[in-house]
Every structure is written in C-alpha cells, then in structure tokens.
C-alpha cells in the first residue's frame, strides 16, 4: 500500500471524544492533567479509520497555545502530524490570533519547519496567562524549565 492509498481524516473533538484524546496522549507518554475542553479546541487525526494522533489549541485573547500534540509511533510518516499542526494554525488564524505559542524542549527542529522560533516563558505568561497549560506551568514551577516557541500569524484580511 502506498501513501496515496491512505485516508487521513481530521475530527474536531467534542466532549465525548476526550477519552480518545487522553488515551492517545497517555500512549505517547504525555501528561493529561490540564487537558480540558473549556477554552480549547482539540482535533483527532484518523488514518484509515483508526485514531492515530491529536492536537490541542488553548485560546487566549489574540493568541493561542498549541498543546498535547501526539502521533502514535505506528502512525508516523503518513502526514498526520502535519495535518494536525496546519489545522491548528489555520484555526488560530481564523479566530484572529496574532501569535501561536507552544512548549517543546525536544522537538524544536520539527516546529521550526512550521515557522516557529524560540521565545521566553515571560512572553507566554504575559500573552496567555489563563491558558490551562500556562497556568499549570506557573503553579507547578516547570514553565521556566521548558523551551517556549512562537509563530507570528498573518492576519486574515490584513493589508501588507
């Protein structure tokens, strides 16, 4: 079977889909304690009908935070991660966000492919202090240990 024979489908997650998201994150070794549908949008990527990855976008005022990005090992190299990231970036742009942030100490090269550049904990704290993952990092003290990344977005309808 070739890559073109594969069928990728993205589903914007509803409340009933969070058990699937949690299972995908846990299977990927990621934390799930601050994953919430409130003030967030999540997507699940399916490959040939099987859930293989997910991504979340926590919304602030003019900025969002990508979080909980995971693709299970057996589903990698099929375009699921790229589809998920592009969906989140498009959604953020359409909601009028000027910047998207994320935390990643280990996958910087991956995020650079999508135009992300290093940022600081102070910048993300100021931009989206109410985002659940930012609040968690501030309360638990890990936020200063993490590498923050950001990507400026083109404004829809902006003159340039």
N, C-alpha and C. Protein backbone atom coordinates (compact mmCIF):
# COMPACT_ATOMS: atom_id res chain seq x y z
N UNK A 1 0.85 -1.18 0.00
CA UNK A 1 0.00 0.00 0.00
C UNK A 1 0.90 1.24 0.00
N UNK A 2 0.58 2.19 -0.86
CA UNK A 2 1.36 3.43 -0.93
C UNK A 2 0.71 4.50 -0.07
N UNK A 3 1.45 5.58 0.15
CA UNK A 3 0.92 6.67 0.95
C UNK A 3 -0.37 7.22 0.36
N UNK A 4 -0.46 7.25 -0.96
CA UNK A 4 -1.67 7.78 -1.59
C UNK A 4 -2.88 6.88 -1.36
N UNK A 5 -2.66 5.65 -0.94
CA UNK A 5 -3.76 4.74 -0.64
C UNK A 5 -4.33 4.96 0.75
N UNK A 6 -3.66 5.79 1.54
CA UNK A 6 -4.07 6.04 2.92
C UNK A 6 -5.13 7.13 2.96
N UNK A 7 -6.04 7.02 3.90
CA UNK A 7 -7.09 8.01 4.06
C UNK A 7 -6.91 8.68 5.43
N UNK A 8 -6.61 9.99 5.41
CA UNK A 8 -6.47 10.76 6.64
C UNK A 8 -7.73 11.60 6.82
N UNK A 9 -8.25 11.58 8.02
CA UNK A 9 -9.44 12.38 8.35
C UNK A 9 -9.19 13.07 9.68
N UNK A 10 -9.49 14.36 9.74
CA UNK A 10 -9.40 15.11 10.99
C UNK A 10 -10.79 15.34 11.54
N UNK A 11 -10.92 15.17 12.83
CA UNK A 11 -12.20 15.39 13.51
C UNK A 11 -11.98 16.42 14.61
N UNK A 12 -12.77 17.51 14.57
CA UNK A 12 -12.71 18.43 15.70
C UNK A 12 -13.42 17.75 16.86
N UNK A 13 -12.70 17.61 17.95
CA UNK A 13 -13.19 16.81 19.08
C UNK A 13 -14.30 17.52 19.84
N UNK A 14 -15.27 16.73 20.24
CA UNK A 14 -16.32 17.19 21.14
C UNK A 14 -16.07 16.58 22.51
N UNK A 15 -16.89 16.92 23.49
CA UNK A 15 -16.69 16.39 24.85
C UNK A 15 -16.61 14.86 24.93
N UNK A 16 -17.36 14.17 24.08
CA UNK A 16 -17.35 12.71 24.10
C UNK A 16 -16.06 12.11 23.54
N UNK A 17 -15.24 12.93 22.89
CA UNK A 17 -14.00 12.44 22.28
C UNK A 17 -12.78 12.55 23.20
N UNK A 18 -12.95 13.12 24.39
CA UNK A 18 -11.79 13.35 25.24
C UNK A 18 -11.19 12.06 25.81
N UNK A 19 -11.95 11.00 25.88
CA UNK A 19 -11.35 9.73 26.30
C UNK A 19 -10.37 9.23 25.23
N UNK A 20 -10.68 9.46 23.96
CA UNK A 20 -9.76 9.09 22.87
C UNK A 20 -8.51 9.96 22.93
N UNK A 21 -8.68 11.26 23.15
CA UNK A 21 -7.54 12.17 23.25
C UNK A 21 -6.64 11.77 24.42
N UNK A 22 -7.24 11.53 25.57
CA UNK A 22 -6.47 11.12 26.75
C UNK A 22 -5.72 9.82 26.48
N UNK A 23 -6.36 8.86 25.84
CA UNK A 23 -5.70 7.58 25.53
C UNK A 23 -4.51 7.80 24.58
N UNK A 24 -4.68 8.66 23.57
CA UNK A 24 -3.58 8.94 22.64
C UNK A 24 -2.42 9.61 23.36
N UNK A 25 -2.71 10.56 24.23
CA UNK A 25 -1.66 11.26 24.97
C UNK A 25 -0.93 10.33 25.93
N UNK A 26 -1.69 9.52 26.65
CA UNK A 26 -1.07 8.58 27.60
C UNK A 26 -0.21 7.56 26.86
N UNK A 27 -0.68 7.07 25.72
CA UNK A 27 0.09 6.12 24.93
C UNK A 27 1.38 6.75 24.39
N UNK A 28 1.38 8.08 24.29
CA UNK A 28 2.57 8.81 23.81
C UNK A 28 3.45 9.30 24.95
N UNK A 29 3.06 8.99 26.18
CA UNK A 29 3.85 9.40 27.34
C UNK A 29 3.69 10.86 27.72
N UNK A 30 2.59 11.49 27.32
CA UNK A 30 2.37 12.90 27.63
C UNK A 30 1.39 13.06 28.80
N UNK A 31 1.51 14.18 29.49
CA UNK A 31 0.64 14.48 30.63
C UNK A 31 -0.75 14.86 30.15
N UNK A 32 -1.75 14.51 30.98
CA UNK A 32 -3.13 14.80 30.61
C UNK A 32 -3.86 15.60 31.69
N UNK A 33 -3.18 15.94 32.78
CA UNK A 33 -3.87 16.54 33.92
C UNK A 33 -4.52 17.89 33.60
N UNK A 34 -3.95 18.70 32.72
CA UNK A 34 -4.55 20.01 32.43
C UNK A 34 -5.28 20.03 31.09
N UNK A 35 -5.52 18.87 30.50
CA UNK A 35 -6.27 18.81 29.24
C UNK A 35 -7.75 19.05 29.55
N UNK A 36 -8.31 20.06 28.90
CA UNK A 36 -9.71 20.40 29.13
C UNK A 36 -10.32 20.95 27.84
N UNK A 37 -11.60 20.75 27.70
CA UNK A 37 -12.29 21.29 26.52
C UNK A 37 -12.67 22.76 26.70
N UNK A 38 -12.63 23.24 27.93
CA UNK A 38 -13.01 24.63 28.19
C UNK A 38 -11.94 25.59 27.66
N UNK A 39 -12.36 26.49 26.78
CA UNK A 39 -11.45 27.47 26.21
C UNK A 39 -10.43 26.87 25.26
N UNK A 40 -10.72 25.68 24.77
CA UNK A 40 -9.78 24.95 23.91
C UNK A 40 -10.51 24.31 22.74
N UNK A 41 -9.73 23.99 21.73
CA UNK A 41 -10.21 23.20 20.61
C UNK A 41 -9.20 22.07 20.41
N UNK A 42 -9.69 20.87 20.25
CA UNK A 42 -8.83 19.70 20.01
C UNK A 42 -9.27 19.01 18.74
N UNK A 43 -8.31 18.37 18.09
CA UNK A 43 -8.58 17.57 16.90
C UNK A 43 -7.98 16.19 17.09
N UNK A 44 -8.61 15.22 16.46
CA UNK A 44 -8.10 13.85 16.40
C UNK A 44 -7.86 13.53 14.94
N UNK A 45 -6.70 12.94 14.64
CA UNK A 45 -6.39 12.51 13.28
C UNK A 45 -6.60 11.00 13.19
N UNK A 46 -7.31 10.60 12.16
CA UNK A 46 -7.56 9.19 11.90
C UNK A 46 -6.85 8.78 10.62
N UNK A 47 -6.25 7.62 10.64
CA UNK A 47 -5.64 7.04 9.45
C UNK A 47 -6.38 5.75 9.16
N UNK A 48 -7.02 5.71 8.01
CA UNK A 48 -7.83 4.55 7.63
C UNK A 48 -8.81 4.16 8.74
N UNK A 49 -9.42 5.18 9.36
CA UNK A 49 -10.46 4.95 10.36
C UNK A 49 -9.97 4.72 11.78
N UNK A 50 -8.66 4.69 11.99
CA UNK A 50 -8.10 4.43 13.33
C UNK A 50 -7.49 5.71 13.91
N UNK A 51 -7.82 6.06 15.16
CA UNK A 51 -7.23 7.26 15.75
C UNK A 51 -5.73 7.09 15.94
N UNK A 52 -4.97 8.03 15.37
CA UNK A 52 -3.52 7.91 15.44
C UNK A 52 -2.81 9.11 16.01
N UNK A 53 -3.53 10.23 16.18
CA UNK A 53 -2.87 11.42 16.70
C UNK A 53 -3.87 12.47 17.13
N UNK A 54 -3.36 13.48 17.85
CA UNK A 54 -4.22 14.56 18.31
C UNK A 54 -3.40 15.83 18.51
N UNK A 55 -4.11 16.93 18.63
CA UNK A 55 -3.50 18.23 18.92
C UNK A 55 -4.55 19.08 19.60
N UNK A 56 -4.09 19.96 20.48
CA UNK A 56 -4.99 20.89 21.15
C UNK A 56 -4.54 22.32 20.91
N UNK A 57 -5.49 23.23 21.04
CA UNK A 57 -5.22 24.65 20.90
C UNK A 57 -5.98 25.36 22.01
N UNK A 58 -5.23 25.91 22.98
CA UNK A 58 -5.84 26.66 24.07
C UNK A 58 -5.91 28.12 23.65
N UNK A 59 -7.09 28.72 23.81
CA UNK A 59 -7.34 30.05 23.29
C UNK A 59 -7.16 31.13 24.34
N UNK A 60 -6.47 32.18 23.93
CA UNK A 60 -6.36 33.39 24.74
C UNK A 60 -6.96 34.54 23.96
N UNK A 61 -6.62 35.74 24.36
CA UNK A 61 -7.09 36.93 23.66
C UNK A 61 -6.01 37.36 22.68
N UNK A 62 -6.21 37.02 21.40
CA UNK A 62 -5.24 37.37 20.37
C UNK A 62 -4.08 36.41 20.23
N UNK A 63 -4.07 35.37 21.03
CA UNK A 63 -3.00 34.36 20.96
C UNK A 63 -3.56 33.03 21.41
N UNK A 64 -2.93 31.96 20.94
CA UNK A 64 -3.31 30.61 21.36
C UNK A 64 -2.06 29.81 21.65
N UNK A 65 -2.26 28.68 22.29
CA UNK A 65 -1.17 27.78 22.67
C UNK A 65 -1.45 26.40 22.10
N UNK A 66 -0.55 25.91 21.26
CA UNK A 66 -0.64 24.52 20.80
C UNK A 66 -0.14 23.64 21.93
N UNK A 67 -0.90 22.58 22.19
CA UNK A 67 -0.51 21.66 23.25
C UNK A 67 -1.00 20.26 22.91
N UNK A 68 -0.48 19.30 23.65
CA UNK A 68 -0.94 17.91 23.53
C UNK A 68 -0.88 17.41 22.09
N UNK A 69 0.25 17.65 21.45
CA UNK A 69 0.47 17.18 20.09
C UNK A 69 1.11 15.80 20.16
N UNK A 70 0.43 14.82 19.59
CA UNK A 70 0.94 13.45 19.64
C UNK A 70 0.51 12.68 18.41
N UNK A 71 1.42 11.89 17.88
CA UNK A 71 1.11 10.91 16.84
C UNK A 71 1.75 9.60 17.31
N UNK A 72 0.94 8.56 17.41
CA UNK A 72 1.46 7.27 17.86
C UNK A 72 2.53 6.77 16.88
N UNK A 73 3.56 6.10 17.39
CA UNK A 73 4.68 5.67 16.53
C UNK A 73 4.26 4.92 15.28
N UNK A 74 3.30 4.02 15.39
CA UNK A 74 2.90 3.23 14.22
C UNK A 74 2.12 4.04 13.19
N UNK A 75 1.76 5.30 13.52
CA UNK A 75 1.02 6.17 12.61
C UNK A 75 1.88 7.29 12.05
N UNK A 76 3.15 7.32 12.41
CA UNK A 76 4.04 8.39 11.96
C UNK A 76 4.44 8.20 10.50
N UNK A 77 4.89 9.28 9.89
CA UNK A 77 5.35 9.32 8.49
C UNK A 77 4.21 9.11 7.49
N UNK A 78 3.00 9.46 7.90
CA UNK A 78 1.85 9.39 7.00
C UNK A 78 1.18 10.74 6.82
N UNK A 79 1.73 11.79 7.45
CA UNK A 79 1.18 13.14 7.31
C UNK A 79 0.20 13.56 8.38
N UNK A 80 -0.04 12.72 9.39
CA UNK A 80 -1.00 13.07 10.42
C UNK A 80 -0.54 14.29 11.22
N UNK A 81 0.72 14.31 11.64
CA UNK A 81 1.23 15.43 12.43
C UNK A 81 1.12 16.74 11.67
N UNK A 82 1.53 16.71 10.43
CA UNK A 82 1.46 17.92 9.59
C UNK A 82 0.02 18.38 9.44
N UNK A 83 -0.90 17.47 9.19
CA UNK A 83 -2.31 17.83 9.04
C UNK A 83 -2.85 18.44 10.33
N UNK A 84 -2.48 17.88 11.46
CA UNK A 84 -2.94 18.40 12.75
C UNK A 84 -2.40 19.80 13.00
N UNK A 85 -1.10 20.00 12.78
CA UNK A 85 -0.48 21.31 13.02
C UNK A 85 -1.10 22.36 12.10
N UNK A 86 -1.24 22.05 10.82
CA UNK A 86 -1.81 23.02 9.89
C UNK A 86 -3.26 23.35 10.24
N UNK A 87 -4.00 22.37 10.73
CA UNK A 87 -5.37 22.62 11.15
C UNK A 87 -5.41 23.58 12.33
N UNK A 88 -4.54 23.37 13.31
CA UNK A 88 -4.49 24.25 14.48
C UNK A 88 -4.07 25.66 14.09
N UNK A 89 -3.05 25.78 13.23
CA UNK A 89 -2.59 27.11 12.80
C UNK A 89 -3.67 27.85 12.01
N UNK A 90 -4.37 27.12 11.15
CA UNK A 90 -5.46 27.73 10.38
C UNK A 90 -6.57 28.21 11.30
N UNK A 91 -6.93 27.38 12.26
CA UNK A 91 -7.99 27.74 13.22
C UNK A 91 -7.60 28.99 14.00
N UNK A 92 -6.34 29.03 14.47
CA UNK A 92 -5.86 30.19 15.23
C UNK A 92 -5.91 31.45 14.37
N UNK A 93 -5.50 31.35 13.13
CA UNK A 93 -5.53 32.49 12.23
C UNK A 93 -6.96 32.97 11.99
N UNK A 94 -7.87 32.05 11.77
CA UNK A 94 -9.26 32.40 11.50
C UNK A 94 -9.95 33.01 12.71
N UNK A 95 -9.48 32.66 13.93
CA UNK A 95 -10.08 33.28 15.11
C UNK A 95 -9.46 34.64 15.41
N UNK A 96 -8.46 35.04 14.59
CA UNK A 96 -7.87 36.37 14.73
C UNK A 96 -6.63 36.43 15.60
N UNK A 97 -6.08 35.28 15.95
CA UNK A 97 -4.85 35.28 16.75
C UNK A 97 -3.70 35.89 15.96
N UNK A 98 -2.86 36.65 16.64
CA UNK A 98 -1.66 37.20 16.01
C UNK A 98 -0.45 36.32 16.27
N UNK A 99 -0.52 35.47 17.32
CA UNK A 99 0.62 34.62 17.68
C UNK A 99 0.12 33.28 18.20
N UNK A 100 0.87 32.23 17.88
CA UNK A 100 0.64 30.91 18.46
C UNK A 100 1.92 30.50 19.18
N UNK A 101 1.76 29.99 20.39
CA UNK A 101 2.88 29.56 21.21
C UNK A 101 2.80 28.05 21.43
N UNK A 102 3.90 27.49 21.91
CA UNK A 102 3.92 26.10 22.37
C UNK A 102 5.15 25.88 23.23
N UNK A 103 5.11 24.80 24.00
CA UNK A 103 6.26 24.35 24.79
C UNK A 103 6.83 23.11 24.12
N UNK A 104 8.15 23.08 23.91
CA UNK A 104 8.79 21.88 23.40
C UNK A 104 10.29 21.97 23.64
N UNK A 105 10.77 21.11 24.51
CA UNK A 105 12.21 21.08 24.78
C UNK A 105 12.93 20.10 23.86
N UNK A 106 12.18 19.18 23.25
CA UNK A 106 12.82 18.10 22.50
C UNK A 106 12.54 18.11 21.00
N UNK A 107 11.53 18.84 20.55
CA UNK A 107 11.15 18.75 19.14
C UNK A 107 11.28 20.08 18.41
N UNK A 108 12.26 20.89 18.80
CA UNK A 108 12.42 22.20 18.18
C UNK A 108 12.59 22.16 16.69
N UNK A 109 13.37 21.21 16.17
CA UNK A 109 13.57 21.13 14.73
C UNK A 109 12.26 20.89 13.98
N UNK A 110 11.37 20.09 14.58
CA UNK A 110 10.06 19.84 13.98
C UNK A 110 9.27 21.15 13.87
N UNK A 111 9.22 21.90 14.96
CA UNK A 111 8.42 23.12 14.99
C UNK A 111 9.02 24.22 14.11
N UNK A 112 10.34 24.22 13.94
CA UNK A 112 10.97 25.21 13.05
C UNK A 112 10.45 25.06 11.63
N UNK A 113 10.12 23.83 11.22
CA UNK A 113 9.58 23.59 9.87
C UNK A 113 8.28 24.34 9.62
N UNK A 114 7.57 24.66 10.70
CA UNK A 114 6.29 25.37 10.59
C UNK A 114 6.44 26.86 10.90
N UNK A 115 7.69 27.33 10.98
CA UNK A 115 7.93 28.76 11.18
C UNK A 115 8.01 29.22 12.62
N UNK A 116 8.11 28.28 13.56
CA UNK A 116 8.23 28.65 14.97
C UNK A 116 9.67 29.04 15.28
N UNK A 117 9.81 30.02 16.18
CA UNK A 117 11.11 30.49 16.64
C UNK A 117 11.11 30.49 18.17
N UNK A 118 12.29 30.41 18.79
CA UNK A 118 12.34 30.41 20.26
C UNK A 118 11.73 31.69 20.85
N UNK A 119 11.11 31.52 22.01
CA UNK A 119 10.54 32.63 22.75
C UNK A 119 10.90 32.43 24.22
N UNK A 120 10.20 33.13 25.11
CA UNK A 120 10.51 33.04 26.54
C UNK A 120 9.28 32.73 27.36
N UNK A 121 9.51 32.22 28.55
CA UNK A 121 8.42 31.97 29.50
C UNK A 121 7.72 33.28 29.85
N UNK A 122 8.49 34.35 30.02
CA UNK A 122 7.89 35.64 30.37
C UNK A 122 6.92 36.10 29.28
N UNK A 123 7.28 35.88 28.01
CA UNK A 123 6.40 36.31 26.92
C UNK A 123 5.10 35.52 26.90
N UNK A 124 5.18 34.21 27.08
CA UNK A 124 3.96 33.40 27.04
C UNK A 124 3.08 33.67 28.27
N UNK A 125 3.71 33.90 29.42
CA UNK A 125 2.95 34.24 30.63
C UNK A 125 2.17 35.53 30.43
N UNK A 126 2.80 36.51 29.78
CA UNK A 126 2.13 37.79 29.53
C UNK A 126 1.04 37.67 28.47
N UNK A 127 1.28 36.85 27.45
CA UNK A 127 0.36 36.75 26.31
C UNK A 127 -0.90 35.95 26.62
N UNK A 128 -0.75 34.81 27.30
CA UNK A 128 -1.91 33.94 27.55
C UNK A 128 -1.83 33.34 28.96
N UNK A 129 -1.90 34.19 29.99
CA UNK A 129 -1.75 33.70 31.37
C UNK A 129 -2.86 32.76 31.82
N UNK A 130 -4.03 32.82 31.18
CA UNK A 130 -5.15 31.98 31.59
C UNK A 130 -5.22 30.63 30.88
N UNK A 131 -4.33 30.39 29.92
CA UNK A 131 -4.32 29.09 29.23
C UNK A 131 -4.01 28.01 30.26
N UNK A 132 -4.78 26.91 30.28
CA UNK A 132 -4.57 25.88 31.30
C UNK A 132 -3.13 25.37 31.40
N UNK A 133 -2.45 25.17 30.28
CA UNK A 133 -1.09 24.66 30.36
C UNK A 133 -0.13 25.72 30.92
N UNK A 134 -0.35 26.98 30.60
CA UNK A 134 0.47 28.06 31.14
C UNK A 134 0.24 28.17 32.65
N UNK A 135 -1.03 28.14 33.06
CA UNK A 135 -1.35 28.20 34.49
C UNK A 135 -0.72 27.03 35.24
N UNK A 136 -0.78 25.84 34.64
CA UNK A 136 -0.16 24.66 35.25
C UNK A 136 1.34 24.85 35.42
N UNK A 137 1.99 25.35 34.37
CA UNK A 137 3.43 25.57 34.42
C UNK A 137 3.83 26.61 35.45
N UNK A 138 3.02 27.66 35.59
CA UNK A 138 3.31 28.70 36.56
C UNK A 138 3.11 28.17 37.98
N UNK A 139 2.01 27.44 38.21
CA UNK A 139 1.71 26.92 39.55
C UNK A 139 2.71 25.85 39.98
N UNK A 140 3.08 24.98 39.06
CA UNK A 140 3.97 23.86 39.40
C UNK A 140 5.44 24.19 39.23
N UNK A 141 5.73 25.35 38.64
CA UNK A 141 7.11 25.81 38.54
C UNK A 141 7.92 25.28 37.38
N UNK A 142 7.33 24.50 36.50
CA UNK A 142 8.11 23.94 35.39
C UNK A 142 8.23 24.88 34.19
N UNK A 143 7.46 25.97 34.18
CA UNK A 143 7.41 26.82 32.99
C UNK A 143 8.77 27.41 32.62
N UNK A 144 9.60 27.70 33.60
CA UNK A 144 10.91 28.30 33.33
C UNK A 144 11.93 27.27 32.83
N UNK A 145 11.60 25.99 32.97
CA UNK A 145 12.50 24.92 32.53
C UNK A 145 12.23 24.53 31.08
N UNK A 146 11.06 24.88 30.59
CA UNK A 146 10.63 24.48 29.24
C UNK A 146 11.09 25.48 28.19
N UNK A 147 11.31 24.98 26.99
CA UNK A 147 11.59 25.86 25.86
C UNK A 147 10.25 26.31 25.28
N UNK A 148 10.08 27.61 25.14
CA UNK A 148 8.88 28.19 24.55
C UNK A 148 9.18 28.53 23.10
N UNK A 149 8.20 28.27 22.23
CA UNK A 149 8.30 28.59 20.82
C UNK A 149 7.10 29.46 20.45
N UNK A 150 7.28 30.28 19.42
CA UNK A 150 6.15 31.09 18.95
C UNK A 150 6.19 31.22 17.44
N UNK A 151 5.03 31.47 16.90
CA UNK A 151 4.91 31.76 15.47
C UNK A 151 3.92 32.91 15.31
N UNK A 152 4.39 33.95 14.64
CA UNK A 152 3.51 35.07 14.31
C UNK A 152 2.62 34.64 13.15
N UNK A 153 1.35 35.05 13.21
CA UNK A 153 0.41 34.69 12.16
C UNK A 153 0.04 35.90 11.33
N UNK A 154 -0.20 35.67 10.07
CA UNK A 154 -0.73 36.71 9.21
C UNK A 154 -2.19 36.92 9.59
N UNK A 155 -2.59 38.14 9.66
CA UNK A 155 -3.97 38.44 9.98
C UNK A 155 -4.82 38.28 8.73
N UNK A 156 -5.92 37.56 8.85
CA UNK A 156 -6.84 37.39 7.73
C UNK A 156 -7.39 38.76 7.36
N UNK A 157 -7.25 39.12 6.11
CA UNK A 157 -7.74 40.41 5.64
C UNK A 157 -6.79 41.56 5.92
N UNK A 158 -5.61 41.28 6.50
CA UNK A 158 -4.66 42.35 6.81
C UNK A 158 -4.02 42.89 5.54
N UNK A 159 -3.77 44.15 5.54
CA UNK A 159 -3.10 44.78 4.41
C UNK A 159 -1.61 44.62 4.59
N UNK A 160 -0.90 44.31 3.56
CA UNK A 160 0.51 44.15 3.77
C UNK A 160 1.26 44.36 2.56
